[in-house]
Amino acid sequence: MSKPIKVIEHQIQLTITNSVEIAMVEAVEVELLGYLRGELKNTSIAFNYQISEGSEERRPYTAEEKFKAMAKKNPALLKLAKEFGLDTDH
C-alpha cells in the first residue's frame, strides 16, 4: 500500500483499493491499534477505511493477459508473434 494516509482528529484514514489490502490491514489492525493507543496514551484512536473503486488498474496475471498488456504498449510484438508463428494464447 503506497497510498497516502490521512489523520483527521483521532481517525486514521486509509485508502484501500482491493480485497487483498483489506485482508492485510485487518490482519494487523488490532495489534497496531493497541500499540498506537498505548504509545500515544489515547484510547479514541481508530481506523477509518475509504474504499477507492477503480483507481488502480488490474495487473495482468495470466500469460495471455501479460502478452496483451505488452502488445498494447508495443504493437510491434503482435507483428513479431505473427512472423514467427508464436502461440500467444497460453
C-alpha atoms as a PDB file:
ATOM      1  CA  MET A   1       0.000   0.000   0.000  1.00  0.00           C
ATOM      2  CA  SER A   2       1.633   3.207  -1.108  1.00  0.00           C
ATOM      3  CA  LYS A   3      -1.409   5.441  -0.840  1.00  0.00           C
ATOM      4  CA  PRO A   4      -1.484   8.484   1.413  1.00  0.00           C
ATOM      5  CA  ILE A   5      -2.672   8.089   4.982  1.00  0.00           C
ATOM      6  CA  LYS A   6      -4.739  10.944   6.383  1.00  0.00           C
ATOM      7  CA  VAL A   7      -5.153  11.724  10.057  1.00  0.00           C
ATOM      8  CA  ILE A   8      -8.326  13.630  10.934  1.00  0.00           C
ATOM      9  CA  GLU A   9      -8.657  14.275  14.672  1.00  0.00           C
ATOM     10  CA  HIS A  10      -8.452  10.759  16.166  1.00  0.00           C
ATOM     11  CA  GLN A  11      -9.252   8.936  12.929  1.00  0.00           C
ATOM     12  CA  ILE A  12      -6.546   7.373  10.770  1.00  0.00           C
ATOM     13  CA  GLN A  13      -7.970   7.247   7.261  1.00  0.00           C
ATOM     14  CA  LEU A  14      -6.599   4.548   4.936  1.00  0.00           C
ATOM     15  CA  THR A  15      -7.428   4.346   1.239  1.00  0.00           C
ATOM     16  CA  ILE A  16      -7.953   0.729   0.191  1.00  0.00           C
ATOM     17  CA  THR A  17      -8.411  -0.424  -3.406  1.00  0.00           C
ATOM     18  CA  ASN A  18      -8.965  -4.183  -3.240  1.00  0.00           C
ATOM     19  CA  SER A  19      -9.834  -7.143  -1.035  1.00  0.00           C
ATOM     20  CA  VAL A  20      -6.185  -8.157  -0.623  1.00  0.00           C
ATOM     21  CA  GLU A  21      -5.400  -4.838   1.032  1.00  0.00           C
ATOM     22  CA  ILE A  22      -8.456  -5.156   3.271  1.00  0.00           C
ATOM     23  CA  ALA A  23      -7.236  -8.568   4.459  1.00  0.00           C
ATOM     24  CA  MET A  24      -3.724  -7.208   5.064  1.00  0.00           C
ATOM     25  CA  VAL A  25      -4.994  -4.311   7.160  1.00  0.00           C
ATOM     26  CA  GLU A  26      -7.452  -6.421   9.125  1.00  0.00           C
ATOM     27  CA  ALA A  27      -4.688  -8.907   9.971  1.00  0.00           C
ATOM     28  CA  VAL A  28      -2.690  -6.261  11.870  1.00  0.00           C
ATOM     29  CA  GLU A  29      -5.402  -3.781  12.858  1.00  0.00           C
ATOM     30  CA  VAL A  30      -5.962  -4.935  16.448  1.00  0.00           C
ATOM     31  CA  GLU A  31      -2.258  -5.138  17.240  1.00  0.00           C
ATOM     32  CA  LEU A  32      -1.499  -1.800  15.588  1.00  0.00           C
ATOM     33  CA  LEU A  33      -4.368  -0.009  17.315  1.00  0.00           C
ATOM     34  CA  GLY A  34      -3.259  -1.405  20.671  1.00  0.00           C
ATOM     35  CA  TYR A  35       0.273  -0.186  20.085  1.00  0.00           C
ATOM     36  CA  LEU A  36      -0.778   3.289  18.917  1.00  0.00           C
ATOM     37  CA  ARG A  37      -3.280   3.740  21.741  1.00  0.00           C
ATOM     38  CA  GLY A  38      -0.682   2.686  24.323  1.00  0.00           C
ATOM     39  CA  GLU A  39       2.219   4.753  22.977  1.00  0.00           C
ATOM     40  CA  LEU A  40       0.113   7.858  22.366  1.00  0.00           C
ATOM     41  CA  LYS A  41      -1.963   7.360  25.523  1.00  0.00           C
ATOM     42  CA  ASN A  42      -5.125   7.975  23.534  1.00  0.00           C
ATOM     43  CA  THR A  43      -7.854   5.333  23.537  1.00  0.00           C
ATOM     44  CA  SER A  44     -10.027   7.143  20.994  1.00  0.00           C
ATOM     45  CA  ILE A  45      -7.715   6.419  18.046  1.00  0.00           C
ATOM     46  CA  ALA A  46      -9.471   4.416  15.329  1.00  0.00           C
ATOM     47  CA  PHE A  47      -9.029   3.389  11.717  1.00  0.00           C
ATOM     48  CA  ASN A  48     -11.365   4.633   9.025  1.00  0.00           C
ATOM     49  CA  TYR A  49     -11.270   2.880   5.656  1.00  0.00           C
ATOM     50  CA  GLN A  50     -12.025   4.635   2.407  1.00  0.00           C
ATOM     51  CA  ILE A  51     -12.547   2.228  -0.465  1.00  0.00           C
ATOM     52  CA  SER A  52     -11.343   3.677  -3.743  1.00  0.00           C
ATOM     53  CA  GLU A  53     -13.001   1.714  -6.540  1.00  0.00           C
ATOM     54  CA  GLY A  54     -11.417   1.705  -9.979  1.00  0.00           C
ATOM     55  CA  SER A  55      -8.495   3.937  -9.092  1.00  0.00           C
ATOM     56  CA  GLU A  56      -5.979   1.216  -9.721  1.00  0.00           C
ATOM     57  CA  GLU A  57      -5.698  -0.740 -12.943  1.00  0.00           C
ATOM     58  CA  ARG A  58      -5.827  -4.511 -12.575  1.00  0.00           C
ATOM     59  CA  ARG A  59      -2.458  -6.137 -13.175  1.00  0.00           C
ATOM     60  CA  PRO A  60      -2.263  -8.903 -15.788  1.00  0.00           C
ATOM     61  CA  TYR A  61      -1.733 -12.363 -14.274  1.00  0.00           C
ATOM     62  CA  THR A  62      -2.079 -14.966 -16.994  1.00  0.00           C
ATOM     63  CA  ALA A  63       0.403 -15.280 -19.851  1.00  0.00           C
ATOM     64  CA  GLU A  64      -2.286 -14.160 -22.297  1.00  0.00           C
ATOM     65  CA  GLU A  65      -3.124 -11.077 -20.214  1.00  0.00           C
ATOM     66  CA  LYS A  66       0.580 -10.229 -19.897  1.00  0.00           C
ATOM     67  CA  PHE A  67       1.126 -10.527 -23.644  1.00  0.00           C
ATOM     68  CA  LYS A  68      -1.912  -8.363 -24.406  1.00  0.00           C
ATOM     69  CA  ALA A  69      -0.706  -5.718 -21.951  1.00  0.00           C
ATOM     70  CA  MET A  70       2.772  -5.696 -23.511  1.00  0.00           C
ATOM     71  CA  ALA A  71       1.335  -5.630 -27.045  1.00  0.00           C
ATOM     72  CA  LYS A  72      -0.834  -2.667 -26.070  1.00  0.00           C
ATOM     73  CA  LYS A  73       2.319  -0.776 -25.071  1.00  0.00           C
ATOM     74  CA  ASN A  74       4.321  -2.038 -28.052  1.00  0.00           C
ATOM     75  CA  PRO A  75       2.248  -3.126 -31.095  1.00  0.00           C
ATOM     76  CA  ALA A  76       5.383  -4.491 -32.809  1.00  0.00           C
ATOM     77  CA  LEU A  77       5.062  -7.571 -30.574  1.00  0.00           C
ATOM     78  CA  LEU A  78       1.952  -8.628 -32.484  1.00  0.00           C
ATOM     79  CA  LYS A  79       3.884  -8.433 -35.742  1.00  0.00           C
ATOM     80  CA  LEU A  80       6.762 -10.473 -34.288  1.00  0.00           C
ATOM     81  CA  ALA A  81       4.430 -13.112 -32.893  1.00  0.00           C
ATOM     82  CA  LYS A  82       2.723 -13.440 -36.271  1.00  0.00           C
ATOM     83  CA  GLU A  83       6.036 -13.503 -38.180  1.00  0.00           C
ATOM     84  CA  PHE A  84       7.481 -16.282 -36.027  1.00  0.00           C
ATOM     85  CA  GLY A  85       4.200 -18.168 -35.720  1.00  0.00           C
ATOM     86  CA  LEU A  86       4.132 -17.879 -31.927  1.00  0.00           C
ATOM     87  CA  ASP A  87       1.119 -19.054 -29.981  1.00  0.00           C
ATOM     88  CA  THR A  88       0.191 -16.211 -27.615  1.00  0.00           C
ATOM     89  CA  ASP A  89      -2.933 -17.795 -26.147  1.00  0.00           C
ATOM     90  CA  HIS A  90      -1.241 -19.604 -23.280  1.00  0.00           C
END
